[in-house]
Amino acid sequence: MEGRARSALPFVGMITVVLVQASNMVVMKMAMSDGMNKYTMLFYSYALSSLVLLPCPFVISRRSGTCPPLTLAVLRKIFLLALVGTVSRMCGYVGINYSSPVLGTAMMNLIPAFTFILAIISRMEKANWKSSSSQAKLVGTIASVLGASAATFYAGPPILRLPPPPSSIQPHRLVFLLSRQSNWILGGFILAAEAFLISLWYIIQVFILKDYPAVLNMMFYSMFFSTILSGLLSFVAVREPQAWILKVDVGMIAILYSALVDIVFRLTLTTWCLKKTGPVYISTFKPLGIVFAVGLGFIFLGETLYLGSLIGAIVIVMGFYGVVWGKSKEEEEKKMEGSGAGGGSLASSSHRIPLLQNRASSV
């Protein structure tokens, strides 16, 4: 029972990650619609997250005695990780500013396909097309993307309605969340670039965790480098001094939510799940974001639930379980091979270790 509970932790963690990411898109859109500068918001979010993670490499890890040596090679990889992460987050801000959180959530469904391709190219994922596990992962990934696309772009007839909330509790900024703007196509391309960079961010993390398996330390150094990069970008792009002045409004709420919840909590939890399972597994949760978007819109914004959304959600769940079944099947095949090989492989096969855990956590 204890082993099953531990194996379920990455599942629960990734569900939380997707929910936080979807809600953060809404908060960011509301702040930018209220006049918050996206460049300064990026800088302040990274700066606050770095401050929160500051004790990790100096107090927590050294007290526990588990702090690995930080070499120059590892530091270069972390800087590359910070660069990719900063550019991807900036693409997300710009893309959502041009379009909406709904389109942003939809484009996140490209992450499983991008991650699957990059994992095969980098030889992190074995693609034996004759194996039922590989076929299930491929079909499940495609089904998740198709289901999310159907939920986003096909409405169909309405099947359930809720009365809209009273006008007194419906801020005018919420109109921006689902409105199609003239730069919708440009925003879609930028958000697609963000999805690719997030997939690349996963792959780079695997290489870093192989030599430096301290999650919180790696996150601090990455956020520190991102603070410097975003600060340089902000000083070049922002010309108005008043854009740097913080006010007690939705902009400050967005910075606090982005720094504490989306960056510190979500990214750290994502990295921990990545260390336990690998990049392909965590990327398969991204299509669930559109399910959360539809559900939150139906419950809190009084949106109509359409047949296309329901069909898309069902297909997403089927595809998701297809990938999970494929990963479980592949794990069983690895255990059988390990038990037959004998020797040192018996130690690694005595636990339920998901794909890529050995590569990601070995020193």
Protein backbone atom coordinates (compact mmCIF):
# COMPACT_ATOMS: atom_id res chain seq x y z
CA MET A 1 0.00 0.00 0.00
CA GLU A 2 2.85 2.36 0.82
CA GLY A 3 4.46 1.71 -2.56
CA ARG A 4 1.21 2.44 -4.36
CA ALA A 5 0.75 5.66 -2.41
CA ARG A 6 4.23 6.80 -3.37
CA SER A 7 3.66 5.97 -7.03
CA ALA A 8 0.44 8.02 -6.95
CA LEU A 9 2.18 11.16 -5.69
CA PRO A 10 3.50 12.23 -9.14
CA PHE A 11 -0.02 11.72 -10.53
CA VAL A 12 -1.59 13.99 -7.90
CA GLY A 13 1.27 16.44 -8.25
CA MET A 14 0.85 16.83 -12.01
CA ILE A 15 -2.91 17.30 -11.67
CA THR A 16 -2.14 20.17 -9.28
CA VAL A 17 0.48 21.55 -11.68
CA VAL A 18 -1.94 21.74 -14.59
CA LEU A 19 -4.65 23.37 -12.47
CA VAL A 20 -2.20 26.02 -11.21
CA GLN A 21 -0.94 26.73 -14.72
CA ALA A 22 -4.44 27.18 -16.11
CA SER A 23 -5.43 29.53 -13.30
CA ASN A 24 -2.20 31.51 -13.65
CA MET A 25 -3.04 32.25 -17.29
CA VAL A 26 -6.31 33.79 -16.19
CA VAL A 27 -4.62 35.91 -13.51
CA MET A 28 -1.93 37.10 -15.94
CA LYS A 29 -4.51 38.06 -18.55
CA MET A 30 -6.50 40.06 -16.02
CA ALA A 31 -3.37 41.92 -14.88
CA MET A 32 -2.24 42.80 -18.40
CA SER A 33 -5.76 43.84 -19.35
CA ASP A 34 -5.66 46.17 -16.34
CA GLY A 35 -2.51 47.84 -17.67
CA MET A 36 0.28 45.85 -15.99
CA ASN A 37 3.47 45.80 -18.07
CA LYS A 38 4.37 42.24 -19.01
CA TYR A 39 8.14 42.82 -18.85
CA THR A 40 8.18 44.27 -15.36
CA MET A 41 5.71 41.64 -14.21
CA LEU A 42 8.11 38.96 -15.47
CA PHE A 43 11.07 40.55 -13.66
CA TYR A 44 9.27 41.06 -10.35
CA SER A 45 7.91 37.50 -10.42
CA TYR A 46 11.36 35.98 -10.94
CA ALA A 47 12.95 38.30 -8.36
CA LEU A 48 10.42 37.36 -5.68
CA SER A 49 10.67 33.65 -6.47
CA SER A 50 14.49 33.84 -6.21
CA LEU A 51 14.16 35.53 -2.82
CA VAL A 52 11.83 32.79 -1.58
CA LEU A 53 14.17 30.02 -2.78
CA LEU A 54 17.31 31.74 -1.47
CA PRO A 55 17.65 29.62 1.71
CA CYS A 56 17.67 26.35 -0.23
CA PRO A 57 21.34 26.10 -1.31
CA PHE A 58 22.69 27.72 1.85
CA VAL A 59 20.56 26.30 4.66
CA ILE A 60 18.25 23.40 3.82
CA SER A 61 20.51 21.21 1.68
CA ARG A 62 23.68 21.79 3.70
CA ARG A 63 21.93 20.96 6.97
CA SER A 64 20.63 17.73 5.52
CA GLY A 65 24.05 16.90 4.05
CA THR A 66 22.61 16.12 0.63
CA CYS A 67 23.94 19.10 -1.30
CA PRO A 68 25.94 17.80 -4.31
CA PRO A 69 28.90 19.76 -5.66
CA LEU A 70 27.99 22.50 -8.12
CA THR A 71 30.42 22.26 -11.02
CA LEU A 72 30.92 24.77 -13.81
CA ALA A 73 29.43 22.32 -16.32
CA VAL A 74 26.27 21.99 -14.25
CA LEU A 75 26.09 25.76 -13.82
CA ARG A 76 26.23 26.24 -17.59
CA LYS A 77 23.36 23.79 -18.04
CA ILE A 78 21.31 25.60 -15.39
CA PHE A 79 21.95 28.91 -17.16
CA LEU A 80 20.71 27.36 -20.42
CA LEU A 81 17.66 26.08 -18.51
CA ALA A 82 17.02 29.60 -17.16
CA LEU A 83 17.37 31.10 -20.64
CA VAL A 84 14.88 28.66 -22.15
CA GLY A 85 12.51 29.11 -19.20
CA THR A 86 12.64 32.91 -19.38
CA VAL A 87 12.01 33.02 -23.12
CA SER A 88 9.15 30.51 -22.82
CA ARG A 89 7.47 32.48 -20.02
CA MET A 90 7.87 35.70 -21.99
CA CYS A 91 6.29 33.99 -25.02
CA GLY A 92 3.43 32.94 -22.76
CA TYR A 93 2.84 36.48 -21.53
CA VAL A 94 2.97 37.94 -25.04
CA GLY A 95 0.83 35.18 -26.53
CA ILE A 96 -1.87 35.50 -23.86
CA ASN A 97 -1.77 39.28 -24.20
CA TYR A 98 -2.47 38.92 -27.93
CA SER A 99 -5.13 36.22 -27.53
CA SER A 100 -6.65 34.65 -24.41
CA PRO A 101 -6.04 32.02 -21.69
CA VAL A 102 -8.31 29.63 -23.60
CA LEU A 103 -6.00 29.65 -26.61
CA GLY A 104 -3.01 29.47 -24.26
CA THR A 105 -4.42 26.37 -22.62
CA ALA A 106 -5.17 24.85 -26.02
CA MET A 107 -1.63 25.37 -27.27
CA MET A 108 -0.25 23.62 -24.19
CA ASN A 109 -1.67 20.45 -25.74
CA LEU A 110 1.24 20.53 -28.18
CA ILE A 111 3.66 19.85 -25.33
CA PRO A 112 3.15 16.04 -25.23
CA ALA A 113 3.90 15.74 -28.95
CA PHE A 114 6.94 18.04 -28.77
CA THR A 115 8.27 16.27 -25.66
CA PHE A 116 7.75 12.82 -27.16
CA ILE A 117 9.69 13.82 -30.29
CA LEU A 118 12.52 15.50 -28.34
CA ALA A 119 12.77 12.52 -25.96
CA ILE A 120 13.17 10.16 -28.90
CA ILE A 121 15.77 12.42 -30.56
CA SER A 122 17.75 12.68 -27.30
CA ARG A 123 17.38 8.89 -26.76
CA MET A 124 15.57 9.32 -23.47
CA GLU A 125 12.56 7.46 -24.78
CA LYS A 126 12.71 4.15 -26.62
CA ALA A 127 10.39 3.88 -29.59
CA ASN A 128 9.80 0.20 -30.31
CA TRP A 129 6.80 0.47 -32.60
CA LYS A 130 6.23 -3.29 -32.45
CA SER A 131 5.72 -3.06 -28.68
CA SER A 132 2.19 -2.59 -27.37
CA SER A 133 3.45 -0.13 -24.73
CA SER A 134 5.01 2.18 -27.34
CA GLN A 135 1.90 1.95 -29.50
CA ALA A 136 -0.31 2.81 -26.53
CA LYS A 137 1.83 5.85 -25.65
CA LEU A 138 1.79 7.09 -29.25
CA VAL A 139 -1.95 6.59 -29.72
CA GLY A 140 -2.68 8.07 -26.29
CA THR A 141 -0.61 11.17 -27.02
CA ILE A 142 -2.33 11.71 -30.37
CA ALA A 143 -5.76 11.14 -28.82
CA SER A 144 -5.06 13.67 -26.06
CA VAL A 145 -4.04 16.32 -28.56
CA LEU A 146 -7.03 15.62 -30.83
CA GLY A 147 -9.42 15.63 -27.87
CA ALA A 148 -8.09 18.93 -26.60
CA SER A 149 -8.37 20.40 -30.09
CA ALA A 150 -11.98 19.24 -30.35
CA ALA A 151 -12.80 20.73 -26.94
CA THR A 152 -11.27 24.05 -27.99
CA PHE A 153 -12.24 24.54 -31.63
CA TYR A 154 -15.49 22.57 -31.97
CA ALA A 155 -18.46 23.82 -29.99
CA GLY A 156 -21.46 21.82 -31.16
CA PRO A 157 -24.92 22.21 -29.67
CA PRO A 158 -25.24 23.43 -26.07
CA ILE A 159 -26.11 20.71 -23.56
CA LEU A 160 -26.06 22.56 -20.23
CA ARG A 161 -26.37 26.17 -19.21
CA LEU A 162 -25.92 28.09 -16.00
CA PRO A 163 -27.41 31.52 -15.32
CA PRO A 164 -24.73 34.20 -15.64
CA PRO A 165 -23.38 35.66 -12.40
CA PRO A 166 -24.81 38.97 -11.23
CA SER A 167 -23.28 42.00 -12.87
CA SER A 168 -22.15 43.25 -9.48
CA ILE A 169 -19.63 40.38 -9.19
CA GLN A 170 -18.64 40.22 -12.84
CA PRO A 171 -15.68 42.58 -13.37
CA HIS A 172 -15.32 44.18 -16.76
CA ARG A 173 -11.85 42.63 -17.08
CA LEU A 174 -13.35 39.15 -17.46
CA VAL A 175 -14.56 40.16 -20.90
CA PHE A 176 -10.95 40.05 -22.06
CA LEU A 177 -10.48 36.43 -21.01
CA LEU A 178 -12.44 34.88 -23.86
CA SER A 179 -12.59 37.66 -26.43
CA ARG A 180 -10.99 37.03 -29.81
CA GLN A 181 -8.69 39.84 -30.82
CA SER A 182 -7.19 40.90 -34.14
CA ASN A 183 -3.81 39.36 -33.16
CA TRP A 184 -5.31 35.95 -32.38
CA ILE A 185 -3.26 34.13 -35.05
CA LEU A 186 0.00 35.81 -34.01
CA GLY A 187 -0.72 34.94 -30.39
CA GLY A 188 -1.31 31.33 -31.40
CA PHE A 189 2.08 31.07 -33.10
CA ILE A 190 3.83 32.62 -30.09
CA LEU A 191 2.03 30.24 -27.73
CA ALA A 192 3.05 27.31 -29.94
CA ALA A 193 6.66 28.47 -29.58
CA GLU A 194 6.13 28.54 -25.82
CA ALA A 195 4.93 24.93 -25.91
CA PHE A 196 8.08 23.85 -27.77
CA LEU A 197 10.33 25.71 -25.32
CA ILE A 198 8.57 24.11 -22.35
CA SER A 199 9.20 20.69 -23.88
CA LEU A 200 12.85 21.62 -24.35
CA TRP A 201 12.89 22.84 -20.72
CA TYR A 202 11.82 19.35 -19.59
CA ILE A 203 14.57 17.67 -21.60
CA ILE A 204 17.30 19.98 -20.30
CA GLN A 205 16.17 19.34 -16.73
CA VAL A 206 16.66 15.60 -17.18
CA PHE A 207 20.29 16.15 -18.19
CA ILE A 208 20.85 18.46 -15.22
CA LEU A 209 19.22 16.14 -12.67
CA LYS A 210 21.47 13.35 -13.87
CA ASP A 211 24.51 15.18 -12.44
CA TYR A 212 22.84 17.49 -9.92
CA PRO A 213 19.76 15.84 -8.35
CA ALA A 214 19.05 18.64 -5.85
CA VAL A 215 15.68 19.96 -7.04
CA LEU A 216 15.34 23.03 -4.83
CA ASN A 217 18.95 24.10 -5.37
CA MET A 218 18.59 23.80 -9.11
CA MET A 219 15.37 25.82 -9.01
CA PHE A 220 17.04 28.62 -7.03
CA TYR A 221 19.98 28.97 -9.41
CA SER A 222 17.63 28.81 -12.39
CA MET A 223 15.37 31.52 -10.94
CA PHE A 224 18.42 33.63 -10.06
CA PHE A 225 19.66 33.52 -13.65
CA SER A 226 16.12 34.16 -14.92
CA THR A 227 15.91 37.25 -12.69
CA ILE A 228 19.08 38.64 -14.29
CA LEU A 229 17.93 37.82 -17.83
CA SER A 230 14.43 39.22 -17.33
CA GLY A 231 15.88 42.32 -15.65
CA LEU A 232 18.10 43.03 -18.66
CA LEU A 233 15.16 42.49 -20.98
CA SER A 234 12.93 44.79 -18.93
CA PHE A 235 15.48 47.61 -18.76
CA VAL A 236 15.81 47.50 -22.56
CA ALA A 237 12.11 47.12 -23.40
CA VAL A 238 10.46 49.31 -20.76
CA ARG A 239 10.93 53.05 -21.27
CA GLU A 240 8.25 54.40 -18.94
CA PRO A 241 9.45 54.83 -15.32
CA GLN A 242 5.89 54.50 -14.02
CA ALA A 243 5.76 50.93 -15.32
CA TRP A 244 8.14 49.94 -12.50
CA ILE A 245 5.90 51.36 -9.76
CA LEU A 246 3.90 48.68 -8.00
CA LYS A 247 0.37 49.39 -6.82
CA VAL A 248 -1.98 47.43 -4.61
CA ASP A 249 -4.15 46.19 -7.44
CA VAL A 250 -4.63 43.15 -9.66
CA GLY A 251 -1.07 43.62 -10.97
CA MET A 252 0.46 43.03 -7.55
CA ILE A 253 -1.84 40.07 -6.98
CA ALA A 254 -0.68 38.64 -10.31
CA ILE A 255 2.99 39.06 -9.36
CA LEU A 256 2.48 37.38 -5.99
CA TYR A 257 0.49 34.54 -7.53
CA SER A 258 2.97 34.07 -10.36
CA ALA A 259 6.03 34.12 -8.10
CA LEU A 260 4.79 32.08 -5.14
CA VAL A 261 2.26 29.72 -6.69
CA ASP A 262 3.14 29.39 -10.36
CA ILE A 263 6.95 29.64 -10.24
CA VAL A 264 8.05 28.44 -6.79
CA PHE A 265 5.32 25.89 -6.14
CA ARG A 266 4.37 24.71 -9.63
CA LEU A 267 7.83 24.61 -11.21
CA THR A 268 9.38 22.96 -8.16
CA LEU A 269 6.61 20.36 -8.09
CA THR A 270 7.01 19.83 -11.84
CA THR A 271 10.75 19.28 -11.45
CA TRP A 272 10.17 16.80 -8.62
CA CYS A 273 7.66 14.86 -10.74
CA LEU A 274 10.09 15.00 -13.68
CA LYS A 275 12.80 13.49 -11.50
CA LYS A 276 10.46 10.67 -10.48
CA THR A 277 8.85 9.85 -13.83
CA GLY A 278 10.53 11.51 -16.82
CA PRO A 279 9.52 14.20 -19.34
CA VAL A 280 7.06 12.25 -21.48
CA TYR A 281 4.89 11.23 -18.51
CA ILE A 282 4.49 14.76 -17.11
CA SER A 283 3.83 16.25 -20.55
CA THR A 284 0.80 13.98 -21.01
CA PHE A 285 -1.02 15.92 -18.29
CA LYS A 286 -1.04 19.16 -20.28
CA PRO A 287 -4.21 18.31 -22.28
CA LEU A 288 -6.10 18.14 -18.99
CA GLY A 289 -5.69 21.92 -18.81
CA ILE A 290 -8.48 22.46 -21.33
CA VAL A 291 -10.75 20.31 -19.16
CA PHE A 292 -10.03 22.59 -16.20
CA ALA A 293 -10.54 25.67 -18.39
CA VAL A 294 -13.94 24.44 -19.55
CA GLY A 295 -14.96 23.41 -16.03
CA LEU A 296 -13.85 26.65 -14.36
CA GLY A 297 -15.52 28.69 -17.09
CA PHE A 298 -18.76 26.75 -16.66
CA ILE A 299 -18.82 27.00 -12.86
CA PHE A 300 -17.44 30.48 -12.18
CA LEU A 301 -18.11 32.43 -15.37
CA GLY A 302 -21.50 30.98 -16.25
CA GLU A 303 -20.34 29.74 -19.66
CA THR A 304 -22.43 27.27 -21.63
CA LEU A 305 -21.23 23.67 -21.69
CA TYR A 306 -21.20 22.47 -25.31
CA LEU A 307 -21.22 18.98 -26.75
CA GLY A 308 -17.79 19.50 -28.31
CA SER A 309 -16.28 20.26 -24.92
CA LEU A 310 -17.78 17.10 -23.43
CA ILE A 311 -16.60 14.89 -26.31
CA GLY A 312 -13.15 16.45 -26.22
CA ALA A 313 -12.86 15.89 -22.48
CA ILE A 314 -13.81 12.21 -22.86
CA VAL A 315 -11.24 11.71 -25.63
CA ILE A 316 -8.58 13.45 -23.54
CA VAL A 317 -9.20 11.14 -20.60
CA MET A 318 -9.10 8.07 -22.86
CA GLY A 319 -5.84 9.21 -24.40
CA PHE A 320 -4.38 10.02 -21.02
CA TYR A 321 -5.16 6.57 -19.66
CA GLY A 322 -3.71 5.08 -22.84
CA VAL A 323 -0.37 6.75 -22.13
CA VAL A 324 -0.46 5.76 -18.46
CA TRP A 325 -1.22 2.15 -19.44
CA GLY A 326 1.66 2.20 -21.91
CA LYS A 327 4.06 3.48 -19.27
CA SER A 328 2.87 0.85 -16.80
CA LYS A 329 3.25 -1.89 -19.41
CA GLU A 330 6.75 -0.72 -20.26
CA GLU A 331 7.66 -0.70 -16.56
CA GLU A 332 6.51 -4.30 -16.22
CA GLU A 333 8.57 -5.29 -19.26
CA LYS A 334 11.63 -3.63 -17.73
CA LYS A 335 11.08 -5.48 -14.47
CA MET A 336 10.86 -8.80 -16.26
CA GLU A 337 14.08 -8.05 -18.15
CA GLY A 338 15.78 -6.93 -14.94
CA SER A 339 14.75 -10.04 -12.99
CA GLY A 340 16.01 -12.24 -15.79
CA ALA A 341 19.37 -10.47 -16.00
CA GLY A 342 20.15 -10.95 -12.30
CA GLY A 343 23.02 -9.30 -10.48
CA GLY A 344 22.86 -5.57 -9.93
CA SER A 345 19.62 -5.15 -11.83
CA LEU A 346 17.71 -6.93 -9.09
CA ALA A 347 18.16 -3.97 -6.79
CA SER A 348 16.69 -1.54 -9.21
CA SER A 349 13.80 -3.82 -10.07
CA SER A 350 12.70 -4.29 -6.48
CA HIS A 351 10.85 -0.99 -6.51
CA ARG A 352 8.31 0.55 -8.82
CA ILE A 353 10.57 2.97 -10.67
CA PRO A 354 8.99 4.84 -13.57
CA LEU A 355 10.74 5.46 -16.85
CA LEU A 356 13.81 7.69 -16.79
CA GLN A 357 14.06 7.81 -13.00
CA ASN A 358 17.46 6.12 -13.10
CA ARG A 359 18.74 8.58 -15.68
CA ALA A 360 17.28 11.63 -13.97
CA SER A 361 18.36 10.91 -10.41
CA SER A 362 21.68 9.11 -10.84
CA VAL A 363 24.86 11.05 -10.05
